[in-house]
N, C-alpha and C. Protein backbone atom coordinates (compact mmCIF):
# COMPACT_ATOMS: atom_id res chain seq x y z
N MET A 1 84.44 4.28 22.04
CA MET A 1 84.69 2.87 21.75
C MET A 1 86.18 2.67 21.46
N ASN A 2 86.83 1.81 22.24
CA ASN A 2 88.25 1.53 22.05
C ASN A 2 88.40 0.35 21.10
N HIS A 3 88.66 0.64 19.84
CA HIS A 3 88.72 -0.44 18.85
C HIS A 3 89.97 -1.30 19.01
N LEU A 4 90.95 -0.84 19.78
CA LEU A 4 92.19 -1.60 19.98
C LEU A 4 92.21 -2.34 21.31
N ARG A 5 91.07 -2.55 21.92
CA ARG A 5 91.06 -3.11 23.28
C ARG A 5 91.55 -4.55 23.35
N HIS A 6 91.58 -5.26 22.22
CA HIS A 6 92.10 -6.63 22.24
C HIS A 6 93.52 -6.71 21.69
N SER A 7 94.07 -5.60 21.24
CA SER A 7 95.43 -5.59 20.68
C SER A 7 96.45 -5.89 21.76
N GLY A 8 97.41 -6.76 21.44
CA GLY A 8 98.48 -7.06 22.37
C GLY A 8 98.14 -8.04 23.47
N LEU A 9 96.93 -8.54 23.49
CA LEU A 9 96.55 -9.50 24.52
C LEU A 9 97.13 -10.88 24.20
N PRO A 10 97.20 -11.77 25.18
CA PRO A 10 97.66 -13.13 24.91
C PRO A 10 96.81 -13.81 23.84
N ALA A 11 97.41 -14.76 23.14
CA ALA A 11 96.73 -15.42 22.02
C ALA A 11 95.40 -16.06 22.43
N ALA A 12 95.37 -16.66 23.60
CA ALA A 12 94.13 -17.32 24.05
C ALA A 12 93.01 -16.31 24.26
N GLU A 13 93.35 -15.14 24.78
CA GLU A 13 92.32 -14.11 24.98
C GLU A 13 91.85 -13.54 23.65
N GLN A 14 92.75 -13.40 22.69
CA GLN A 14 92.34 -12.93 21.36
C GLN A 14 91.46 -13.96 20.67
N ALA A 15 91.78 -15.23 20.83
CA ALA A 15 90.94 -16.28 20.24
C ALA A 15 89.55 -16.26 20.85
N ALA A 16 89.47 -16.08 22.16
CA ALA A 16 88.17 -16.00 22.82
C ALA A 16 87.38 -14.79 22.34
N ALA A 17 88.06 -13.67 22.15
CA ALA A 17 87.39 -12.47 21.65
C ALA A 17 86.87 -12.68 20.24
N LEU A 18 87.68 -13.34 19.40
CA LEU A 18 87.23 -13.62 18.03
C LEU A 18 85.99 -14.50 18.03
N LYS A 19 85.99 -15.53 18.85
CA LYS A 19 84.82 -16.42 18.92
C LYS A 19 83.58 -15.66 19.37
N THR A 20 83.71 -14.79 20.35
CA THR A 20 82.57 -14.00 20.83
C THR A 20 82.03 -13.11 19.72
N ILE A 21 82.93 -12.46 18.98
CA ILE A 21 82.51 -11.57 17.90
C ILE A 21 81.79 -12.34 16.80
N LEU A 22 82.33 -13.49 16.41
CA LEU A 22 81.74 -14.26 15.31
C LEU A 22 80.40 -14.87 15.71
N ARG A 23 80.27 -15.29 16.96
CA ARG A 23 78.98 -15.83 17.41
C ARG A 23 77.90 -14.75 17.41
N ALA A 24 78.31 -13.50 17.60
CA ALA A 24 77.33 -12.40 17.65
C ALA A 24 77.00 -11.86 16.27
N ASP A 25 77.73 -12.27 15.25
CA ASP A 25 77.51 -11.78 13.90
C ASP A 25 76.53 -12.72 13.19
N PRO A 26 75.31 -12.27 12.90
CA PRO A 26 74.31 -13.20 12.36
C PRO A 26 74.67 -13.77 10.99
N ILE A 27 75.35 -12.99 10.17
CA ILE A 27 75.70 -13.47 8.83
C ILE A 27 76.77 -14.54 8.91
N VAL A 28 77.83 -14.26 9.64
CA VAL A 28 78.93 -15.22 9.74
C VAL A 28 78.49 -16.49 10.46
N TRP A 29 77.71 -16.32 11.52
CA TRP A 29 77.28 -17.51 12.26
C TRP A 29 76.40 -18.41 11.37
N GLN A 30 75.49 -17.83 10.64
CA GLN A 30 74.65 -18.64 9.76
C GLN A 30 75.49 -19.30 8.68
N ALA A 31 76.47 -18.58 8.15
CA ALA A 31 77.35 -19.16 7.13
C ALA A 31 78.13 -20.34 7.69
N LEU A 32 78.59 -20.24 8.92
CA LEU A 32 79.32 -21.34 9.55
C LEU A 32 78.43 -22.56 9.76
N VAL A 33 77.22 -22.33 10.20
CA VAL A 33 76.28 -23.44 10.41
C VAL A 33 75.99 -24.14 9.08
N LEU A 34 75.71 -23.35 8.05
CA LEU A 34 75.40 -23.93 6.74
C LEU A 34 76.61 -24.63 6.15
N ALA A 35 77.80 -24.06 6.33
CA ALA A 35 79.01 -24.69 5.81
C ALA A 35 79.25 -26.04 6.49
N ARG A 36 79.01 -26.09 7.79
CA ARG A 36 79.16 -27.36 8.50
C ARG A 36 78.20 -28.40 7.95
N ASP A 37 76.98 -27.99 7.66
CA ASP A 37 75.98 -28.92 7.12
C ASP A 37 76.35 -29.41 5.73
N LEU A 38 77.11 -28.60 4.98
CA LEU A 38 77.53 -29.02 3.64
C LEU A 38 78.54 -30.17 3.72
N ASP A 39 79.27 -30.24 4.84
CA ASP A 39 80.12 -31.38 5.16
C ASP A 39 81.20 -31.64 4.11
N LEU A 40 81.94 -30.60 3.76
CA LEU A 40 83.05 -30.74 2.82
C LEU A 40 84.32 -31.15 3.57
N PRO A 41 85.24 -31.85 2.91
CA PRO A 41 86.48 -32.24 3.59
C PRO A 41 87.37 -31.03 3.88
N ASP A 42 87.91 -30.97 5.08
CA ASP A 42 88.86 -29.93 5.49
C ASP A 42 88.34 -28.53 5.14
N TRP A 43 87.12 -28.24 5.54
CA TRP A 43 86.52 -26.95 5.17
C TRP A 43 86.81 -25.89 6.23
N MET A 44 86.78 -24.65 5.82
CA MET A 44 86.80 -23.51 6.74
C MET A 44 86.37 -22.26 5.99
N ILE A 45 85.72 -21.36 6.70
CA ILE A 45 85.43 -20.03 6.17
C ILE A 45 86.64 -19.16 6.48
N VAL A 46 87.12 -18.44 5.48
CA VAL A 46 88.40 -17.76 5.62
C VAL A 46 88.30 -16.28 5.28
N SER A 47 89.35 -15.59 5.66
CA SER A 47 89.66 -14.26 5.16
C SER A 47 88.61 -13.21 5.50
N GLY A 48 88.11 -12.48 4.49
CA GLY A 48 87.33 -11.27 4.71
C GLY A 48 86.14 -11.40 5.63
N ALA A 49 85.39 -12.48 5.50
CA ALA A 49 84.22 -12.65 6.36
C ALA A 49 84.62 -12.71 7.83
N ILE A 50 85.86 -13.12 8.10
CA ILE A 50 86.33 -13.23 9.48
C ILE A 50 86.91 -11.90 9.96
N TYR A 51 87.98 -11.43 9.31
CA TYR A 51 88.64 -10.22 9.84
C TYR A 51 87.81 -8.97 9.64
N ASN A 52 87.03 -8.90 8.55
CA ASN A 52 86.16 -7.73 8.38
C ASN A 52 85.07 -7.68 9.45
N SER A 53 84.59 -8.84 9.84
CA SER A 53 83.57 -8.88 10.89
C SER A 53 84.13 -8.39 12.22
N VAL A 54 85.40 -8.70 12.48
CA VAL A 54 86.06 -8.19 13.69
C VAL A 54 86.12 -6.66 13.63
N TRP A 55 86.58 -6.13 12.50
CA TRP A 55 86.71 -4.68 12.39
C TRP A 55 85.35 -3.99 12.46
N ASN A 56 84.31 -4.63 11.90
CA ASN A 56 82.96 -4.06 12.01
C ASN A 56 82.52 -4.01 13.46
N SER A 57 82.71 -5.11 14.16
CA SER A 57 82.28 -5.18 15.56
C SER A 57 82.99 -4.14 16.42
N LEU A 58 84.30 -3.98 16.21
CA LEU A 58 85.08 -3.10 17.08
C LEU A 58 84.97 -1.63 16.71
N THR A 59 84.38 -1.33 15.55
CA THR A 59 84.19 0.07 15.16
C THR A 59 82.72 0.46 15.06
N GLY A 60 81.83 -0.45 15.48
CA GLY A 60 80.41 -0.13 15.49
C GLY A 60 79.74 -0.17 14.13
N LYS A 61 80.35 -0.84 13.16
CA LYS A 61 79.75 -0.98 11.84
C LYS A 61 78.77 -2.15 11.84
N PRO A 62 77.78 -2.14 10.94
CA PRO A 62 76.82 -3.24 10.90
C PRO A 62 77.42 -4.51 10.33
N PRO A 63 76.86 -5.67 10.66
CA PRO A 63 77.33 -6.93 10.07
C PRO A 63 77.27 -6.87 8.55
N GLY A 64 78.31 -7.39 7.93
CA GLY A 64 78.37 -7.43 6.47
C GLY A 64 79.02 -6.22 5.84
N HIS A 65 79.25 -5.15 6.61
CA HIS A 65 79.87 -3.95 6.05
C HIS A 65 81.23 -4.31 5.45
N GLY A 66 81.46 -3.94 4.19
CA GLY A 66 82.74 -4.15 3.54
C GLY A 66 83.02 -5.57 3.08
N ILE A 67 82.08 -6.48 3.26
CA ILE A 67 82.30 -7.87 2.87
C ILE A 67 81.59 -8.13 1.54
N ASN A 68 82.36 -8.47 0.51
CA ASN A 68 81.78 -8.72 -0.81
C ASN A 68 81.21 -10.12 -0.93
N ASP A 69 81.87 -11.08 -0.32
CA ASP A 69 81.40 -12.46 -0.38
C ASP A 69 82.03 -13.23 0.78
N ILE A 70 81.62 -14.47 0.90
CA ILE A 70 82.14 -15.35 1.95
C ILE A 70 82.95 -16.44 1.27
N ASP A 71 84.23 -16.52 1.63
CA ASP A 71 85.12 -17.51 1.03
C ASP A 71 85.09 -18.79 1.85
N LEU A 72 84.69 -19.87 1.18
CA LEU A 72 84.64 -21.18 1.82
C LEU A 72 85.68 -22.08 1.16
N PHE A 73 86.72 -22.40 1.90
CA PHE A 73 87.76 -23.32 1.44
C PHE A 73 87.38 -24.75 1.81
N TYR A 74 87.77 -25.68 0.96
CA TYR A 74 87.84 -27.07 1.34
C TYR A 74 89.04 -27.66 0.62
N CYS A 75 89.49 -28.81 1.02
CA CYS A 75 90.65 -29.41 0.39
C CYS A 75 90.39 -30.89 0.18
N ASP A 76 90.29 -31.26 -1.09
CA ASP A 76 90.00 -32.64 -1.46
C ASP A 76 90.91 -33.04 -2.61
N GLY A 77 91.96 -33.76 -2.28
CA GLY A 77 92.91 -34.18 -3.30
C GLY A 77 92.54 -35.45 -4.02
N ALA A 78 91.40 -36.04 -3.68
CA ALA A 78 91.00 -37.31 -4.29
C ALA A 78 90.61 -37.15 -5.76
N ASP A 79 90.05 -36.01 -6.11
CA ASP A 79 89.63 -35.75 -7.49
C ASP A 79 89.94 -34.29 -7.81
N LEU A 80 90.97 -34.06 -8.62
CA LEU A 80 91.40 -32.71 -8.93
C LEU A 80 90.77 -32.16 -10.22
N SER A 81 89.76 -32.83 -10.71
CA SER A 81 89.14 -32.38 -11.96
C SER A 81 88.29 -31.13 -11.72
N TYR A 82 88.20 -30.33 -12.77
CA TYR A 82 87.31 -29.16 -12.73
C TYR A 82 85.88 -29.61 -12.46
N GLU A 83 85.49 -30.71 -13.07
CA GLU A 83 84.11 -31.18 -12.95
C GLU A 83 83.73 -31.51 -11.51
N ALA A 84 84.67 -32.09 -10.77
CA ALA A 84 84.38 -32.44 -9.37
C ALA A 84 84.18 -31.18 -8.53
N GLU A 85 85.06 -30.19 -8.72
CA GLU A 85 84.91 -28.94 -7.97
C GLU A 85 83.63 -28.22 -8.40
N ASP A 86 83.35 -28.22 -9.68
CA ASP A 86 82.16 -27.53 -10.18
C ASP A 86 80.88 -28.16 -9.60
N ALA A 87 80.89 -29.47 -9.43
CA ALA A 87 79.72 -30.14 -8.83
C ALA A 87 79.51 -29.66 -7.40
N VAL A 88 80.60 -29.47 -6.65
CA VAL A 88 80.49 -28.97 -5.28
C VAL A 88 79.97 -27.53 -5.29
N ILE A 89 80.50 -26.72 -6.19
CA ILE A 89 80.07 -25.32 -6.28
C ILE A 89 78.58 -25.24 -6.60
N ARG A 90 78.12 -26.06 -7.54
CA ARG A 90 76.70 -26.03 -7.92
C ARG A 90 75.82 -26.54 -6.79
N ARG A 91 76.31 -27.49 -6.02
CA ARG A 91 75.55 -27.99 -4.87
C ARG A 91 75.45 -26.92 -3.78
N ALA A 92 76.48 -26.08 -3.69
CA ALA A 92 76.51 -25.06 -2.64
C ALA A 92 75.56 -23.90 -2.91
N VAL A 93 75.28 -23.60 -4.17
CA VAL A 93 74.48 -22.42 -4.50
C VAL A 93 73.12 -22.44 -3.81
N PRO A 94 72.29 -23.48 -3.99
CA PRO A 94 71.00 -23.47 -3.28
C PRO A 94 71.15 -23.64 -1.77
N HIS A 95 72.24 -24.27 -1.35
CA HIS A 95 72.46 -24.51 0.08
C HIS A 95 72.61 -23.19 0.84
N PHE A 96 73.26 -22.20 0.19
CA PHE A 96 73.54 -20.93 0.85
C PHE A 96 72.61 -19.80 0.41
N GLU A 97 71.53 -20.12 -0.27
CA GLU A 97 70.70 -19.07 -0.86
C GLU A 97 70.03 -18.17 0.18
N ARG A 98 69.96 -18.62 1.43
CA ARG A 98 69.35 -17.78 2.48
C ARG A 98 70.28 -16.69 2.98
N LEU A 99 71.55 -16.81 2.68
CA LEU A 99 72.51 -15.80 3.15
C LEU A 99 72.40 -14.52 2.33
N PRO A 100 72.64 -13.36 2.94
CA PRO A 100 72.59 -12.10 2.20
C PRO A 100 73.83 -11.84 1.35
N LEU A 101 74.86 -12.69 1.49
CA LEU A 101 76.09 -12.54 0.72
C LEU A 101 76.36 -13.82 -0.07
N PRO A 102 76.96 -13.69 -1.26
CA PRO A 102 77.31 -14.90 -2.02
C PRO A 102 78.45 -15.65 -1.33
N VAL A 103 78.48 -16.95 -1.55
CA VAL A 103 79.54 -17.80 -0.99
C VAL A 103 80.37 -18.35 -2.15
N GLU A 104 81.68 -18.14 -2.07
CA GLU A 104 82.60 -18.63 -3.10
C GLU A 104 83.31 -19.86 -2.55
N VAL A 105 83.05 -21.00 -3.17
CA VAL A 105 83.59 -22.27 -2.71
C VAL A 105 84.75 -22.66 -3.61
N ARG A 106 85.91 -23.00 -3.02
CA ARG A 106 87.07 -23.38 -3.81
C ARG A 106 87.83 -24.53 -3.15
N ASN A 107 88.16 -25.53 -3.98
CA ASN A 107 88.97 -26.65 -3.53
C ASN A 107 90.44 -26.24 -3.57
N GLN A 108 91.06 -26.12 -2.41
CA GLN A 108 92.44 -25.66 -2.34
C GLN A 108 93.44 -26.65 -2.93
N ALA A 109 93.05 -27.91 -3.04
CA ALA A 109 93.93 -28.90 -3.67
C ALA A 109 94.09 -28.66 -5.16
N ARG A 110 93.20 -27.86 -5.76
CA ARG A 110 93.25 -27.59 -7.20
C ARG A 110 93.89 -26.24 -7.55
N VAL A 111 94.18 -25.41 -6.57
CA VAL A 111 94.59 -24.04 -6.86
C VAL A 111 95.82 -23.98 -7.77
N HIS A 112 96.79 -24.87 -7.55
CA HIS A 112 98.02 -24.83 -8.34
C HIS A 112 97.78 -25.12 -9.82
N LEU A 113 96.62 -25.68 -10.15
CA LEU A 113 96.32 -26.00 -11.55
C LEU A 113 95.89 -24.76 -12.35
N TRP A 114 95.18 -23.81 -11.70
CA TRP A 114 94.70 -22.63 -12.43
C TRP A 114 95.42 -21.34 -12.05
N TYR A 115 96.18 -21.37 -10.97
CA TYR A 115 96.84 -20.16 -10.48
C TYR A 115 97.80 -19.53 -11.50
N PRO A 116 98.63 -20.32 -12.18
CA PRO A 116 99.57 -19.70 -13.14
C PRO A 116 98.87 -18.95 -14.27
N ASP A 117 97.77 -19.48 -14.78
CA ASP A 117 97.05 -18.78 -15.85
C ASP A 117 96.45 -17.47 -15.36
N ARG A 118 96.00 -17.45 -14.13
CA ARG A 118 95.33 -16.25 -13.59
C ARG A 118 96.32 -15.20 -13.11
N PHE A 119 97.44 -15.63 -12.51
CA PHE A 119 98.35 -14.68 -11.88
C PHE A 119 99.74 -14.62 -12.51
N GLY A 120 100.00 -15.47 -13.49
CA GLY A 120 101.26 -15.41 -14.20
C GLY A 120 102.45 -15.99 -13.45
N ARG A 121 102.22 -16.73 -12.40
CA ARG A 121 103.30 -17.39 -11.65
C ARG A 121 102.71 -18.62 -10.97
N SER A 122 103.59 -19.49 -10.54
CA SER A 122 103.13 -20.74 -9.94
C SER A 122 102.90 -20.59 -8.45
N CYS A 123 102.22 -21.56 -7.88
CA CYS A 123 102.06 -21.66 -6.43
C CYS A 123 102.16 -23.13 -6.06
N PRO A 124 102.42 -23.42 -4.81
CA PRO A 124 102.54 -24.83 -4.41
C PRO A 124 101.22 -25.58 -4.52
N ALA A 125 101.31 -26.88 -4.57
CA ALA A 125 100.11 -27.72 -4.47
C ALA A 125 99.77 -27.86 -2.99
N TYR A 126 98.70 -27.20 -2.57
CA TYR A 126 98.36 -27.17 -1.16
C TYR A 126 97.82 -28.53 -0.72
N ARG A 127 98.28 -28.96 0.45
CA ARG A 127 97.84 -30.25 0.98
C ARG A 127 96.73 -30.11 2.01
N SER A 128 96.42 -28.87 2.36
CA SER A 128 95.34 -28.62 3.33
C SER A 128 94.87 -27.19 3.16
N SER A 129 93.69 -26.90 3.67
CA SER A 129 93.19 -25.53 3.66
C SER A 129 94.06 -24.64 4.52
N ALA A 130 94.56 -25.17 5.63
CA ALA A 130 95.43 -24.39 6.50
C ALA A 130 96.72 -24.00 5.80
N GLU A 131 97.27 -24.91 5.00
CA GLU A 131 98.50 -24.59 4.27
C GLU A 131 98.26 -23.44 3.30
N ALA A 132 97.11 -23.41 2.65
CA ALA A 132 96.80 -22.34 1.70
C ALA A 132 96.81 -20.97 2.39
N LEU A 133 96.36 -20.90 3.63
CA LEU A 133 96.35 -19.63 4.36
C LEU A 133 97.75 -19.04 4.47
N GLY A 134 98.74 -19.89 4.56
CA GLY A 134 100.11 -19.43 4.73
C GLY A 134 100.67 -18.69 3.53
N TYR A 135 99.96 -18.73 2.41
CA TYR A 135 100.43 -18.08 1.18
C TYR A 135 99.59 -16.85 0.82
N PHE A 136 98.74 -16.40 1.71
CA PHE A 136 97.98 -15.19 1.46
C PHE A 136 98.92 -13.99 1.33
N ALA A 137 98.51 -12.99 0.56
CA ALA A 137 99.36 -11.82 0.32
C ALA A 137 99.66 -11.05 1.60
N SER A 138 98.72 -11.03 2.52
CA SER A 138 98.89 -10.31 3.78
C SER A 138 98.71 -11.28 4.95
N ARG A 139 99.64 -11.26 5.86
CA ARG A 139 99.57 -12.16 7.02
C ARG A 139 98.29 -11.93 7.82
N THR A 140 97.85 -10.68 7.87
CA THR A 140 96.65 -10.30 8.61
C THR A 140 95.43 -11.07 8.13
N HIS A 141 95.37 -11.33 6.84
CA HIS A 141 94.19 -11.94 6.23
C HIS A 141 94.16 -13.46 6.39
N ALA A 142 95.26 -14.04 6.84
CA ALA A 142 95.38 -15.49 6.91
C ALA A 142 94.71 -16.03 8.17
N VAL A 143 93.40 -16.13 8.12
CA VAL A 143 92.65 -16.67 9.25
C VAL A 143 91.45 -17.44 8.72
N GLY A 144 91.22 -18.59 9.31
CA GLY A 144 90.09 -19.41 8.93
C GLY A 144 89.39 -19.95 10.17
N VAL A 145 88.11 -20.24 10.03
CA VAL A 145 87.31 -20.72 11.16
C VAL A 145 86.38 -21.82 10.67
N ARG A 146 86.26 -22.87 11.47
CA ARG A 146 85.25 -23.90 11.19
C ARG A 146 84.45 -24.15 12.45
N LEU A 147 83.23 -24.60 12.26
CA LEU A 147 82.32 -24.90 13.38
C LEU A 147 82.30 -26.40 13.60
N THR A 148 82.64 -26.81 14.81
CA THR A 148 82.70 -28.24 15.11
C THR A 148 81.30 -28.80 15.35
N PRO A 149 81.14 -30.13 15.34
CA PRO A 149 79.85 -30.73 15.66
C PRO A 149 79.32 -30.34 17.04
N GLU A 150 80.24 -29.94 17.94
CA GLU A 150 79.85 -29.53 19.30
C GLU A 150 79.58 -28.04 19.40
N ASP A 151 79.50 -27.35 18.25
CA ASP A 151 79.24 -25.91 18.19
C ASP A 151 80.39 -25.07 18.74
N ASP A 152 81.58 -25.64 18.78
CA ASP A 152 82.74 -24.85 19.13
C ASP A 152 83.34 -24.28 17.83
N LEU A 153 84.07 -23.19 17.95
CA LEU A 153 84.73 -22.59 16.80
C LEU A 153 86.21 -22.95 16.84
N GLU A 154 86.67 -23.58 15.78
CA GLU A 154 88.08 -23.93 15.63
C GLU A 154 88.75 -22.87 14.76
N ILE A 155 89.76 -22.22 15.28
CA ILE A 155 90.43 -21.12 14.59
C ILE A 155 91.77 -21.60 14.03
N VAL A 156 92.01 -21.25 12.78
CA VAL A 156 93.31 -21.53 12.15
C VAL A 156 93.89 -20.17 11.73
N ALA A 157 94.99 -19.80 12.36
CA ALA A 157 95.60 -18.49 12.09
C ALA A 157 97.11 -18.65 12.16
N PRO A 158 97.76 -19.00 11.04
CA PRO A 158 99.19 -19.30 11.08
C PRO A 158 100.07 -18.15 11.54
N PHE A 159 99.60 -16.92 11.42
CA PHE A 159 100.38 -15.76 11.85
C PHE A 159 99.77 -15.09 13.09
N GLY A 160 98.83 -15.77 13.72
CA GLY A 160 98.21 -15.21 14.90
C GLY A 160 97.11 -14.22 14.57
N LEU A 161 96.54 -13.62 15.61
CA LEU A 161 95.40 -12.72 15.47
C LEU A 161 95.72 -11.28 15.84
N ASP A 162 96.96 -11.01 16.28
CA ASP A 162 97.23 -9.67 16.80
C ASP A 162 97.15 -8.60 15.72
N ASP A 163 97.55 -8.92 14.49
CA ASP A 163 97.42 -7.92 13.42
C ASP A 163 95.97 -7.52 13.21
N ILE A 164 95.08 -8.49 13.26
CA ILE A 164 93.65 -8.18 13.08
C ILE A 164 93.19 -7.25 14.19
N PHE A 165 93.49 -7.60 15.43
CA PHE A 165 93.02 -6.79 16.55
C PHE A 165 93.79 -5.48 16.69
N SER A 166 94.93 -5.36 16.01
CA SER A 166 95.69 -4.11 16.00
C SER A 166 95.34 -3.24 14.81
N PHE A 167 94.43 -3.72 13.97
CA PHE A 167 94.04 -2.98 12.77
C PHE A 167 95.27 -2.66 11.90
N HIS A 168 96.11 -3.66 11.76
CA HIS A 168 97.37 -3.48 11.02
C HIS A 168 97.48 -4.58 9.97
N ILE A 169 97.66 -4.21 8.71
CA ILE A 169 97.79 -5.17 7.62
C ILE A 169 99.27 -5.32 7.28
N THR A 170 99.77 -6.54 7.47
CA THR A 170 101.19 -6.84 7.32
C THR A 170 101.42 -7.73 6.10
N PRO A 171 102.41 -7.41 5.26
CA PRO A 171 102.65 -8.23 4.08
C PRO A 171 103.19 -9.62 4.43
N ASN A 172 102.88 -10.57 3.58
CA ASN A 172 103.42 -11.92 3.68
C ASN A 172 104.28 -12.15 2.44
N ARG A 173 105.59 -12.08 2.60
CA ARG A 173 106.49 -12.05 1.45
C ARG A 173 106.92 -13.43 0.98
N VAL A 174 106.18 -14.46 1.35
CA VAL A 174 106.54 -15.81 0.91
C VAL A 174 106.40 -15.95 -0.61
N MET A 175 105.52 -15.15 -1.21
CA MET A 175 105.37 -15.07 -2.66
C MET A 175 105.27 -13.59 -3.03
N ASP A 176 105.50 -13.27 -4.31
CA ASP A 176 105.43 -11.87 -4.73
C ASP A 176 103.98 -11.48 -4.99
N ASN A 177 103.30 -11.16 -3.90
CA ASN A 177 101.89 -10.75 -3.97
C ASN A 177 101.74 -9.28 -3.59
N ARG A 178 102.75 -8.47 -3.93
CA ARG A 178 102.74 -7.08 -3.47
C ARG A 178 101.55 -6.29 -4.00
N GLU A 179 101.13 -6.56 -5.24
CA GLU A 179 100.01 -5.80 -5.80
C GLU A 179 98.71 -6.14 -5.08
N THR A 180 98.50 -7.41 -4.80
CA THR A 180 97.31 -7.81 -4.06
C THR A 180 97.31 -7.19 -2.66
N HIS A 181 98.46 -7.21 -2.02
CA HIS A 181 98.60 -6.60 -0.68
C HIS A 181 98.24 -5.12 -0.74
N ARG A 182 98.75 -4.43 -1.75
CA ARG A 182 98.50 -2.99 -1.87
C ARG A 182 97.01 -2.71 -2.11
N ILE A 183 96.41 -3.42 -3.05
CA ILE A 183 95.01 -3.17 -3.41
C ILE A 183 94.09 -3.45 -2.23
N LYS A 184 94.30 -4.59 -1.58
CA LYS A 184 93.45 -4.93 -0.45
C LYS A 184 93.64 -3.96 0.71
N GLY A 185 94.88 -3.52 0.90
CA GLY A 185 95.16 -2.58 1.97
C GLY A 185 94.49 -1.23 1.74
N GLU A 186 94.57 -0.73 0.52
CA GLU A 186 93.95 0.56 0.20
C GLU A 186 92.43 0.48 0.36
N ARG A 187 91.85 -0.62 -0.07
CA ARG A 187 90.39 -0.78 0.09
C ARG A 187 90.01 -0.81 1.56
N ALA A 188 90.77 -1.54 2.35
CA ALA A 188 90.46 -1.65 3.78
C ALA A 188 90.53 -0.30 4.47
N MET A 189 91.52 0.51 4.10
CA MET A 189 91.65 1.83 4.75
C MET A 189 90.49 2.75 4.39
N ARG A 190 89.92 2.57 3.20
CA ARG A 190 88.74 3.37 2.84
C ARG A 190 87.53 2.98 3.69
N LEU A 191 87.42 1.71 4.00
CA LEU A 191 86.26 1.21 4.73
C LEU A 191 86.41 1.35 6.25
N TRP A 192 87.64 1.19 6.72
CA TRP A 192 87.93 1.31 8.16
C TRP A 192 89.15 2.23 8.29
N PRO A 193 88.93 3.52 8.46
CA PRO A 193 90.05 4.48 8.50
C PRO A 193 91.03 4.22 9.64
N GLN A 194 90.66 3.39 10.59
CA GLN A 194 91.54 3.10 11.72
C GLN A 194 92.72 2.20 11.31
N ILE A 195 92.64 1.60 10.13
CA ILE A 195 93.63 0.62 9.69
C ILE A 195 94.91 1.30 9.22
N THR A 196 96.03 0.64 9.52
CA THR A 196 97.31 1.02 8.93
C THR A 196 97.82 -0.15 8.10
N VAL A 197 98.53 0.15 7.01
CA VAL A 197 99.05 -0.88 6.12
C VAL A 197 100.55 -0.76 6.06
N GLU A 198 101.25 -1.84 6.37
CA GLU A 198 102.70 -1.87 6.24
C GLU A 198 103.06 -2.04 4.77
N PRO A 199 103.88 -1.18 4.20
CA PRO A 199 104.25 -1.31 2.79
C PRO A 199 105.01 -2.61 2.53
N TRP A 200 104.91 -3.07 1.30
CA TRP A 200 105.60 -4.30 0.92
C TRP A 200 107.12 -4.11 1.04
């Protein structure tokens, strides 16, 4: 099995390969369908559920291998209160109860309010879920997917998909997230030995 068979291909071919892999993954596909039904503003499933599913598919691992949860972003700047986000989170719990993995729902418009307390530094006030992807610790992880009403997959990948298909984790130095980059990289290499991690 050539796990690098999509590495270096044109962006359109990599996008097509990603869509094929995600449609074949029963966990991710069900999560996308359910997320669409939840109908949150500017929603997308991001990060681990996407790139880990690619690595599982290309290395013959079962669906869900190495995935702790499914991250569901949405962005709603109309109400930045904790209570509004909490209401969405509580509504999502029974909605996703059929999935074998927990779903973590977060309003990206609120991240700048709690980020300093959790990480000891500030972050921008994100105006969209796509903008939030641009601040991930590793460029490789910055990928999101949403399912359109026509059952097409819309991909948001500000740094492209080649790192994912090359099994290479590249730092994103827009913020000082070196520790997160290191921890996630070391974990990934334990789960998929084919991965290489570029040092910060």
